[in-house]
Protein backbone atom coordinates (compact mmCIF):
# COMPACT_ATOMS: atom_id res chain seq x y z
CA UNK A 1 0.60 32.10 -2.46
CA UNK A 2 4.04 33.71 -2.76
CA UNK A 3 7.26 32.16 -4.02
CA UNK A 4 10.88 32.66 -4.93
CA UNK A 5 11.44 32.93 -8.67
CA UNK A 6 14.64 32.85 -10.74
CA UNK A 7 14.22 34.87 -13.95
CA UNK A 8 16.58 33.94 -16.80
CA UNK A 9 16.53 36.19 -19.89
CA UNK A 10 19.27 37.81 -21.94
CA UNK A 11 17.11 40.90 -22.58
CA UNK A 12 17.61 43.38 -19.75
CA UNK A 13 14.33 45.18 -20.36
CA UNK A 14 12.38 41.90 -20.17
CA UNK A 15 14.06 41.00 -16.88
CA UNK A 16 13.21 44.36 -15.34
CA UNK A 17 9.55 44.18 -16.44
CA UNK A 18 9.17 40.68 -14.98
CA UNK A 19 10.77 41.69 -11.68
CA UNK A 20 8.48 44.73 -11.41
CA UNK A 21 5.34 42.64 -11.99
CA UNK A 22 6.29 39.74 -9.76
CA UNK A 23 7.70 41.74 -6.85
CA UNK A 24 4.59 43.91 -7.02
CA UNK A 25 2.59 40.71 -6.31
CA UNK A 26 4.77 39.91 -3.31
CA UNK A 27 7.09 37.33 -4.90
CA UNK A 28 10.84 37.32 -4.29
CA UNK A 29 12.91 37.37 -7.48
CA UNK A 30 16.47 37.06 -8.71
CA UNK A 31 17.17 37.94 -12.35
CA UNK A 32 20.18 36.74 -14.38
CA UNK A 33 21.19 37.30 -18.00
CA UNK A 34 21.95 33.75 -19.11
CA UNK A 35 21.77 30.01 -18.47
CA UNK A 36 25.30 29.60 -17.15
CA UNK A 37 24.80 32.43 -14.66
CA UNK A 38 21.55 30.72 -13.63
CA UNK A 39 23.37 27.44 -12.91
CA UNK A 40 25.90 29.32 -10.75
CA UNK A 41 23.05 30.99 -8.85
CA UNK A 42 21.31 27.64 -8.29
CA UNK A 43 24.42 26.25 -6.60
CA UNK A 44 23.93 28.59 -3.68
CA UNK A 45 20.15 28.57 -3.12
CA UNK A 46 16.81 27.01 -4.01
CA UNK A 47 14.00 28.56 -6.05
CA UNK A 48 10.35 27.56 -6.25
CA UNK A 49 10.19 28.38 -9.96
CA UNK A 50 12.67 28.97 -12.76
CA UNK A 51 11.19 31.30 -15.40
CA UNK A 52 13.51 31.10 -18.39
CA UNK A 53 13.60 32.30 -21.97
CA UNK A 54 14.01 29.57 -24.57
CA UNK A 55 16.31 31.32 -27.06
CA UNK A 56 19.38 32.89 -25.45
CA UNK A 57 22.97 33.45 -26.45
CA UNK A 58 25.24 30.59 -25.45
CA UNK A 59 23.36 27.90 -23.55
CA UNK A 60 19.65 27.78 -24.44
CA UNK A 61 16.75 27.61 -22.02
CA UNK A 62 16.15 24.03 -23.15
CA UNK A 63 19.71 23.02 -22.23
CA UNK A 64 19.37 24.84 -18.90
CA UNK A 65 16.15 23.00 -18.10
CA UNK A 66 17.61 19.60 -19.01
CA UNK A 67 20.58 20.15 -16.70
CA UNK A 68 18.42 21.45 -13.86
CA UNK A 69 15.99 18.54 -14.10
CA UNK A 70 18.87 16.07 -14.10
CA UNK A 71 19.90 17.41 -10.70
CA UNK A 72 16.32 17.79 -9.39
CA UNK A 73 13.53 16.15 -11.44
CA UNK A 74 10.89 18.00 -9.42
CA UNK A 75 12.21 21.51 -10.03
CA UNK A 76 9.38 23.63 -11.47
CA UNK A 77 10.42 25.31 -14.74
CA UNK A 78 8.37 27.61 -17.00
CA UNK A 79 9.59 28.33 -20.51
CA UNK A 80 9.14 31.72 -22.24
CA UNK A 81 9.12 31.60 -26.01
CA UNK A 82 8.69 33.89 -28.99
CA UNK A 83 5.87 33.20 -31.42
CA UNK A 84 7.98 31.27 -33.92
CA UNK A 85 9.37 28.77 -31.39
CA UNK A 86 6.19 27.44 -29.77
CA UNK A 87 6.93 23.94 -31.08
CA UNK A 88 10.21 23.95 -29.16
CA UNK A 89 8.41 25.04 -26.00
CA UNK A 90 5.93 22.19 -26.36
CA UNK A 91 8.89 19.83 -26.69
CA UNK A 92 10.30 21.33 -23.49
CA UNK A 93 7.06 20.45 -21.69
CA UNK A 94 7.40 16.87 -22.85
CA UNK A 95 10.86 16.85 -21.29
CA UNK A 96 9.58 18.12 -17.95
CA UNK A 97 8.77 21.84 -18.09
CA UNK A 98 5.65 22.79 -16.11
CA UNK A 99 4.28 25.12 -18.79
CA UNK A 100 5.28 27.70 -21.40
CA UNK A 101 4.36 31.35 -21.96
CA UNK A 102 4.32 32.97 -25.39
CA UNK A 103 5.90 36.40 -25.80
CA UNK A 104 4.89 39.14 -25.57
CA UNK A 105 3.76 38.10 -22.11
CA UNK A 106 0.29 38.99 -20.85
CA UNK A 107 0.31 39.98 -17.19
CA UNK A 108 -2.83 38.07 -16.17
CA UNK A 109 -1.74 34.92 -18.00
CA UNK A 110 1.70 35.16 -16.39
CA UNK A 111 0.26 35.46 -12.88
CA UNK A 112 -2.27 32.67 -13.45
CA UNK A 113 0.44 30.30 -14.67
CA UNK A 114 2.65 31.17 -11.71
CA UNK A 115 -0.22 30.57 -9.28
CA UNK A 116 -0.83 27.09 -10.73
CA UNK A 117 2.89 26.39 -10.66
CA UNK A 118 3.17 27.41 -7.00
CA UNK A 119 0.26 25.13 -6.11
CA UNK A 120 2.18 22.27 -7.71
CA UNK A 121 5.35 23.32 -5.86
CA UNK A 122 3.41 23.31 -2.58
CA UNK A 123 2.26 19.72 -3.21
CA UNK A 124 5.80 18.63 -4.07
CA UNK A 125 7.07 20.15 -0.82
CA UNK A 126 4.33 18.41 1.16
CA UNK A 127 5.21 15.09 -0.46
CA UNK A 128 8.88 15.59 0.31
CA UNK A 129 8.02 16.37 3.92
CA UNK A 130 5.91 13.21 4.08
CA UNK A 131 8.78 11.24 2.60
CA UNK A 132 11.19 12.59 5.23
CA UNK A 133 8.64 11.79 7.94
CA UNK A 134 8.30 8.29 6.53
CA UNK A 135 12.06 7.74 6.65
CA UNK A 136 12.23 9.07 10.21
CA UNK A 137 9.28 7.08 11.57
CA UNK A 138 9.48 3.85 9.59
CA UNK A 139 11.11 1.80 12.30
CA UNK A 140 10.68 -1.50 10.46
CA UNK A 141 11.50 -1.84 6.73
CA UNK A 142 8.44 -2.15 4.45
CA UNK A 143 5.98 -1.39 7.27
CA UNK A 144 4.75 2.19 7.22
CA UNK A 145 3.12 4.21 9.96
CA UNK A 146 3.84 6.51 12.88
CA UNK A 147 0.59 6.02 14.80
CA UNK A 148 1.12 5.00 18.46
CA UNK A 149 -0.50 1.61 17.79
CA UNK A 150 2.02 0.97 15.01
CA UNK A 151 4.89 2.11 17.22
CA UNK A 152 3.82 -0.55 19.70
CA UNK A 153 3.92 -3.12 16.88
CA UNK A 154 7.47 -1.98 16.01
CA UNK A 155 8.49 -2.26 19.67
CA UNK A 156 7.25 -5.83 19.96
CA UNK A 157 8.82 -6.88 16.64
CA UNK A 158 12.19 -5.45 17.66
CA UNK A 159 11.96 -7.14 21.06
CA UNK A 160 10.98 -10.64 19.95
CA UNK A 161 12.58 -10.95 16.48
CA UNK A 162 15.97 -12.23 17.82
CA UNK A 163 14.24 -15.03 19.78
CA UNK A 164 12.83 -18.39 18.66
CA UNK A 165 9.41 -17.83 20.24
CA UNK A 166 6.26 -18.58 18.27
CA UNK A 167 4.21 -15.49 17.40
CA UNK A 168 0.49 -15.15 16.69
CA UNK A 169 -0.43 -12.07 14.65
CA UNK A 170 -4.00 -10.82 14.87
CA UNK A 171 -5.40 -8.43 12.27
CA UNK A 172 -8.13 -7.90 9.73
CA UNK A 173 -7.58 -8.89 6.12
CA UNK A 174 -5.29 -6.42 4.37
CA UNK A 175 -3.54 -5.03 7.46
CA UNK A 176 -0.12 -6.45 6.55
CA UNK A 177 0.24 -9.58 8.67
CA UNK A 178 2.68 -11.21 6.25
CA UNK A 179 4.84 -8.05 6.25
CA UNK A 180 5.06 -8.30 10.05
CA UNK A 181 6.01 -11.98 9.84
CA UNK A 182 8.66 -11.19 7.23
CA UNK A 183 10.04 -8.37 9.41
CA UNK A 184 10.32 -10.76 12.37
CA UNK A 185 12.23 -13.24 10.21
CA UNK A 186 14.51 -10.52 8.81
CA UNK A 187 15.35 -9.36 12.34
CA UNK A 188 16.18 -12.84 13.59
CA UNK A 189 19.33 -15.00 13.49
CA UNK A 190 17.46 -17.08 10.89
CA UNK A 191 17.36 -14.27 8.32
CA UNK A 192 19.88 -16.00 6.01
CA UNK A 193 17.70 -19.12 5.97
CA UNK A 194 14.41 -19.59 4.05
CA UNK A 195 11.14 -17.84 4.86
CA UNK A 196 8.03 -19.68 3.66
CA UNK A 197 4.53 -18.21 3.82
CA UNK A 198 1.45 -20.37 3.30
CA UNK A 199 -2.22 -19.35 3.31
CA UNK A 200 -4.10 -22.11 5.12
CA UNK A 201 -7.42 -20.94 3.67
CA UNK A 202 -6.18 -21.34 0.09
CA UNK A 203 -5.11 -25.00 0.31
CA UNK A 204 -7.67 -27.83 0.26
CA UNK A 205 -7.74 -29.86 3.46
CA UNK A 206 -6.77 -33.03 1.57
CA UNK A 207 -3.52 -31.43 0.37
CA UNK A 208 -2.52 -29.52 3.49
CA UNK A 209 -0.50 -32.30 5.14
CA UNK A 210 1.46 -32.99 1.96
CA UNK A 211 2.06 -29.25 1.48
CA UNK A 212 3.50 -28.86 4.98
CA UNK A 213 5.27 -32.19 5.52
CA UNK A 214 5.80 -33.60 2.00
CA UNK A 215 5.02 -37.10 0.74
CA UNK A 216 6.68 -40.31 -0.42
CA UNK A 217 6.37 -41.80 -3.87
CA UNK A 218 3.10 -43.72 -4.18
CA UNK A 219 1.59 -42.19 -1.04
CA UNK A 220 -1.55 -41.32 -3.01
CA UNK A 221 -2.80 -41.22 -6.57
CA UNK A 222 -0.56 -38.90 -8.55
CA UNK A 223 2.38 -39.06 -6.11
CA UNK A 224 4.89 -40.14 -8.74
CA UNK A 225 7.96 -39.11 -6.77
CA UNK A 226 9.06 -38.06 -3.30
CA UNK A 227 8.34 -34.40 -2.51
CA UNK A 228 9.63 -32.54 0.50
CA UNK A 229 7.21 -30.18 2.24
CA UNK A 230 7.55 -26.62 3.43
CA UNK A 231 8.82 -27.62 6.89
CA UNK A 232 11.78 -29.51 5.43
CA UNK A 233 12.47 -26.84 2.81
CA UNK A 234 12.49 -24.16 5.52
CA UNK A 235 14.85 -26.07 7.86
CA UNK A 236 16.78 -23.50 9.88
CA UNK A 237 14.38 -20.75 8.80
CA UNK A 238 10.82 -19.59 9.38
CA UNK A 239 7.37 -20.87 8.41
CA UNK A 240 4.49 -18.39 8.39
CA UNK A 241 1.02 -19.94 8.58
CA UNK A 242 -1.50 -17.30 7.52
CA UNK A 243 -5.21 -17.75 8.36
CA UNK A 244 -4.34 -20.53 10.82
CA UNK A 245 -7.97 -20.53 11.99
CA UNK A 246 -9.01 -22.11 8.69
CA UNK A 247 -6.94 -25.27 9.33
CA UNK A 248 -8.97 -28.40 10.10
CA UNK A 249 -8.90 -29.78 13.64
CA UNK A 250 -7.32 -33.02 12.37
CA UNK A 251 -4.49 -31.10 10.71
CA UNK A 252 -4.09 -28.97 13.83
CA UNK A 253 -3.22 -32.12 15.78
CA UNK A 254 -0.46 -33.00 13.30
CA UNK A 255 0.90 -29.46 13.37
CA UNK A 256 0.95 -29.51 17.19
CA UNK A 257 2.95 -32.74 17.18
CA UNK A 258 5.47 -31.27 14.72
CA UNK A 259 5.93 -28.20 16.92
CA UNK A 260 6.34 -30.27 20.10
CA UNK A 261 8.70 -32.93 18.74
CA UNK A 262 10.49 -30.80 16.12
CA UNK A 263 9.98 -33.71 13.73
CA UNK A 264 7.72 -34.35 10.76
CA UNK A 265 6.73 -37.47 8.87
CA UNK A 266 6.04 -37.31 5.15
CA UNK A 267 2.68 -38.61 3.96
CA UNK A 268 3.16 -42.29 3.27
CA UNK A 269 6.51 -42.31 5.10
CA UNK A 270 7.66 -44.48 7.97
CA UNK A 271 10.49 -42.41 9.46
CA UNK A 272 10.47 -39.12 11.32
CA UNK A 273 12.53 -36.28 9.89
CA UNK A 274 13.98 -33.71 12.32
CA UNK A 275 13.29 -30.08 11.36
CA UNK A 276 14.29 -26.79 12.93
CA UNK A 277 11.78 -24.08 12.01
CA UNK A 278 10.32 -21.09 13.79
CA UNK A 279 6.52 -20.94 13.54
CA UNK A 280 4.77 -17.62 12.98
CA UNK A 281 1.02 -17.65 12.43
CA UNK A 282 -1.77 -15.17 11.77
CA UNK A 283 -5.54 -14.97 11.88
CA UNK A 284 -8.34 -12.49 11.36
CA UNK A 285 -10.61 -14.47 13.71
CA UNK A 286 -10.83 -14.69 17.48
CA UNK A 287 -9.38 -18.13 18.11
CA UNK A 288 -10.62 -18.14 21.71
CA UNK A 289 -14.19 -18.16 20.34
CA UNK A 290 -13.24 -20.97 17.95
CA UNK A 291 -11.89 -22.96 20.91
CA UNK A 292 -15.19 -22.59 22.77
CA UNK A 293 -17.18 -23.97 19.84
CA UNK A 294 -14.66 -26.75 19.14
CA UNK A 295 -13.19 -25.34 15.93
CA UNK A 296 -9.65 -24.84 17.25
CA UNK A 297 -7.48 -26.89 19.59
CA UNK A 298 -6.74 -25.17 22.88
CA UNK A 299 -3.35 -26.87 23.27
CA UNK A 300 -2.24 -25.68 19.82
CA UNK A 301 -3.48 -22.18 20.60
CA UNK A 302 -1.22 -21.92 23.64
CA UNK A 303 1.72 -23.22 21.61
CA UNK A 304 1.17 -20.56 18.94
CA UNK A 305 0.18 -17.68 21.21
CA UNK A 306 3.44 -17.28 23.14
CA UNK A 307 3.77 -13.75 21.73
CA UNK A 308 0.72 -11.91 20.40
CA UNK A 309 0.86 -8.95 18.03
CA UNK A 310 -2.31 -6.96 17.33
CA UNK A 311 -2.25 -5.12 13.99
CA UNK A 312 -4.71 -2.21 14.00
CA UNK A 313 -7.07 -1.72 11.04
CA UNK A 314 -6.37 1.33 8.91
CA UNK A 315 -9.48 3.15 10.18
CA UNK A 316 -7.92 3.14 13.68
CA UNK A 317 -4.73 4.83 12.51
CA UNK A 318 -6.06 7.51 10.20
CA UNK A 319 -3.00 9.71 10.75
CA UNK A 320 -0.99 7.20 8.67
CA UNK A 321 -3.27 7.31 5.62
CA UNK A 322 -1.63 10.32 3.93
CA UNK A 323 1.86 8.86 4.44
CA UNK A 324 0.79 5.50 3.03
CA UNK A 325 -0.96 7.12 0.08
CA UNK A 326 2.14 9.17 -0.75
CA UNK A 327 4.30 6.04 -0.56
CA UNK A 328 2.03 4.17 -2.97
CA UNK A 329 1.88 7.13 -5.39
CA UNK A 330 5.67 7.14 -5.63
CA UNK A 331 5.81 3.35 -5.87
CA UNK A 332 3.36 2.99 -8.75
CA UNK A 333 4.39 6.19 -10.51
CA UNK A 334 7.94 4.81 -10.61
CA UNK A 335 6.86 1.33 -11.68
CA UNK A 336 4.60 2.54 -14.48
CA UNK A 337 6.76 5.41 -15.68
CA UNK A 338 3.79 7.78 -15.28
CA UNK A 339 4.71 11.21 -13.95
CA UNK A 340 2.17 11.39 -11.13
CA UNK A 341 3.72 13.27 -8.23
CA UNK A 342 0.97 13.43 -5.62
CA UNK A 343 -2.70 13.64 -4.68
CA UNK A 344 -4.70 16.84 -4.93
CA UNK A 345 -6.16 18.25 -1.74
CA UNK A 346 -9.79 17.37 -2.64
CA UNK A 347 -8.79 13.80 -3.51
CA UNK A 348 -6.71 13.44 -0.35
CA UNK A 349 -9.65 14.65 1.73
CA UNK A 350 -11.82 11.86 0.26
CA UNK A 351 -9.09 9.31 0.93
CA UNK A 352 -8.67 10.51 4.52
CA UNK A 353 -12.43 10.38 5.20
CA UNK A 354 -12.99 6.88 3.82
CA UNK A 355 -13.30 3.95 6.25
CA UNK A 356 -11.09 1.48 4.29
CA UNK A 357 -12.78 -1.85 5.06
CA UNK A 358 -10.07 -3.56 3.00
CA UNK A 359 -7.34 -1.79 5.01
CA UNK A 360 -3.88 -1.06 3.58
CA UNK A 361 -4.32 -3.58 0.75
CA UNK A 362 -7.42 -1.70 -0.47
CA UNK A 363 -5.70 1.69 -0.13
CA UNK A 364 -2.78 0.43 -2.20
CA UNK A 365 -5.15 -0.84 -4.90
CA UNK A 366 -7.04 2.47 -5.01
CA UNK A 367 -3.85 4.53 -5.29
CA UNK A 368 -2.47 2.26 -8.01
CA UNK A 369 -5.71 2.79 -9.94
CA UNK A 370 -5.48 6.54 -9.34
CA UNK A 371 -1.94 6.71 -10.74
CA UNK A 372 -2.98 4.82 -13.88
CA UNK A 373 -6.15 6.90 -14.39
CA UNK A 374 -4.66 10.34 -13.64
CA UNK A 375 -4.79 12.89 -16.47
CA UNK A 376 -2.31 15.24 -14.81
CA UNK A 377 0.58 15.00 -12.37
CA UNK A 378 -1.89 14.69 -9.47
CA UNK A 379 -4.56 12.17 -8.56
CA UNK A 380 -7.92 13.98 -8.64
CA UNK A 381 -11.28 12.88 -7.18
CA UNK A 382 -12.37 11.72 -10.65
CA UNK A 383 -9.48 9.22 -10.62
CA UNK A 384 -10.81 7.48 -7.50
CA UNK A 385 -13.38 4.64 -7.49
CA UNK A 386 -16.98 5.41 -6.62
CA UNK A 387 -16.87 3.71 -3.21
CA UNK A 388 -14.23 6.23 -2.10
CA UNK A 389 -15.77 9.34 -3.67
CA UNK A 390 -19.19 8.51 -2.22
CA UNK A 391 -17.91 7.11 1.08
CA UNK A 392 -19.21 3.59 0.43
CA UNK A 393 -17.70 0.37 1.71
CA UNK A 394 -16.14 -1.77 -0.97
CA UNK A 395 -18.95 -4.29 -0.69
CA UNK A 396 -21.45 -1.48 -1.23
CA UNK A 397 -23.09 0.33 1.67
CA UNK A 398 -26.80 1.10 1.73
CA UNK A 399 -28.52 3.31 4.32
CA UNK A 400 -30.40 1.35 6.97
CA UNK A 401 -32.79 2.83 9.49
CA UNK A 402 -33.19 0.71 12.63
CA UNK A 403 -36.93 0.24 13.35
CA UNK A 404 -38.19 1.62 16.63
CA UNK A 405 -39.17 -1.86 17.84
CA UNK A 406 -35.80 -3.37 16.80
CA UNK A 407 -35.07 -6.32 14.49
CA UNK A 408 -34.59 -10.07 14.68
CA UNK A 409 -30.88 -10.06 13.87
CA UNK A 410 -30.50 -13.81 13.36
CA UNK A 411 -33.42 -13.79 10.93
CA UNK A 412 -31.82 -10.89 9.05
CA UNK A 413 -28.49 -12.73 8.93
CA UNK A 414 -30.18 -15.91 7.72
CA UNK A 415 -31.99 -14.05 4.93
CA UNK A 416 -28.77 -12.37 3.79
CA UNK A 417 -26.99 -15.73 3.67
CA UNK A 418 -29.83 -17.24 1.61
CA UNK A 419 -29.72 -14.31 -0.85
CA UNK A 420 -25.93 -14.64 -1.20
CA UNK A 421 -26.19 -18.39 -1.77
CA UNK A 422 -28.88 -17.87 -4.39
CA UNK A 423 -26.76 -15.29 -6.21
CA UNK A 424 -23.79 -17.69 -6.09
CA UNK A 425 -25.86 -20.64 -7.39
CA UNK A 426 -25.43 -22.30 -3.99
CA UNK A 427 -21.64 -22.51 -4.31
CA UNK A 428 -20.18 -21.72 -0.88
CA UNK A 429 -16.80 -20.59 -2.27
CA UNK A 430 -18.58 -17.95 -4.39
CA UNK A 431 -21.04 -16.82 -1.72
CA UNK A 432 -18.50 -16.38 1.09
CA UNK A 433 -16.78 -13.27 -0.44
CA UNK A 434 -20.18 -11.65 -1.00
CA UNK A 435 -20.76 -11.78 2.77
CA UNK A 436 -17.20 -10.94 3.79
CA UNK A 437 -16.80 -14.41 5.33
CA UNK A 438 -14.34 -17.24 4.94
CA UNK A 439 -15.47 -20.53 3.42
CA UNK A 440 -15.33 -22.23 6.83
CA UNK A 441 -17.33 -19.49 8.59
CA UNK A 442 -20.11 -19.56 5.99
CA UNK A 443 -20.20 -23.35 6.11
CA UNK A 444 -20.66 -23.15 9.89
CA UNK A 445 -23.51 -20.63 9.58
CA UNK A 446 -25.27 -22.71 6.94
CA UNK A 447 -25.23 -25.63 9.36
CA UNK A 448 -26.25 -23.40 12.29
CA UNK A 449 -29.34 -22.07 10.49
CA UNK A 450 -30.09 -25.36 8.73
CA UNK A 451 -29.93 -23.66 5.32
CA UNK A 452 -29.99 -26.08 2.40
CA UNK A 453 -30.34 -25.74 -1.34
CA UNK A 454 -34.03 -26.08 -2.30
CA UNK A 455 -34.89 -29.44 -3.90
């Protein structure tokens, strides 16, 4: 790997020796006699590495480095120091120098340090290129990806955001459905009005109506005062109903009426309150199948499904993984104040080859962990969790050989559900995550198979 190197030393003989060694290895060099001359040279061109002496007449190498790093924090600088000033060189590394070399320089040590520095420079350049690509291809703020499937998502968002149409967003957990809903709101005439997001799976059925429509004082035990619901609070804005498939059929009927009449009635109230909200909803389930089994109202489905957006899982847009990973490295490195600048090639290969069952949310979590665990300025394979380094799914993947005569799949499913329930002490809310199911889905399967707690 060859690079361009700026040599800064006030000893002419030292400059000439360094140029001879480095140019003999194929590097391009420029040599100057002092820090101020170096700053003038840097105004006209870029260098991969600045190799500077620490002690020089006039401006010191430390002062040069501080000024250079102020202009470009990622500029690679190596400090050369005499034996008696090693402590100062170590201090320079704390301030941002890549490394230091003790004089008299040893040729092999010099070349080894430069090789490591150029590898770091190469990663920085790749990250910058990814950043530029991100800025060029990120058509919608906060949503990252240049894969054709994501470009189609951008196209639909841009097309329908200025309208008042309801939108149903399909996607697996962790694909960014709320980000899409927020982007639609931000691109609409309602963007100055409130945006409320509610997870239908996280609110008990008994509280859902009050959460959406509010309640009057005395409507139920504990209702000590009137409370307005999300629909009233969002008047003029947007309501995003995530995991709409988890809403009870009874509540679906009340939601349908609110959409049709543009009015709500608080729990315990006697008057209708007009509201103007745009409804966006999302699900990770096929609602058409829920309609067939009676778990979702067909008339509500057609009200919600005027525009449909399909968010692809991360495994179907693998070309976006490196860009996303780079974005999260910069995000969490900045937030934590840790100087992690990228992902090493071996670590990136593991990240690229992983299936990401938890999608973008899981990738973000893994990269955040990598930034916090990193021992250098790169995330290495040892900084990644075992499911990524060994190619396992987050839930834990075990090899399974399909018998030649096949299996009874329903019996296998039933046995897995029983084992999960036993591990969770027969608490559905604890067992559902073990199986990758929602509470409602597991409840349905327990009824389907007639599974009950023994005794």
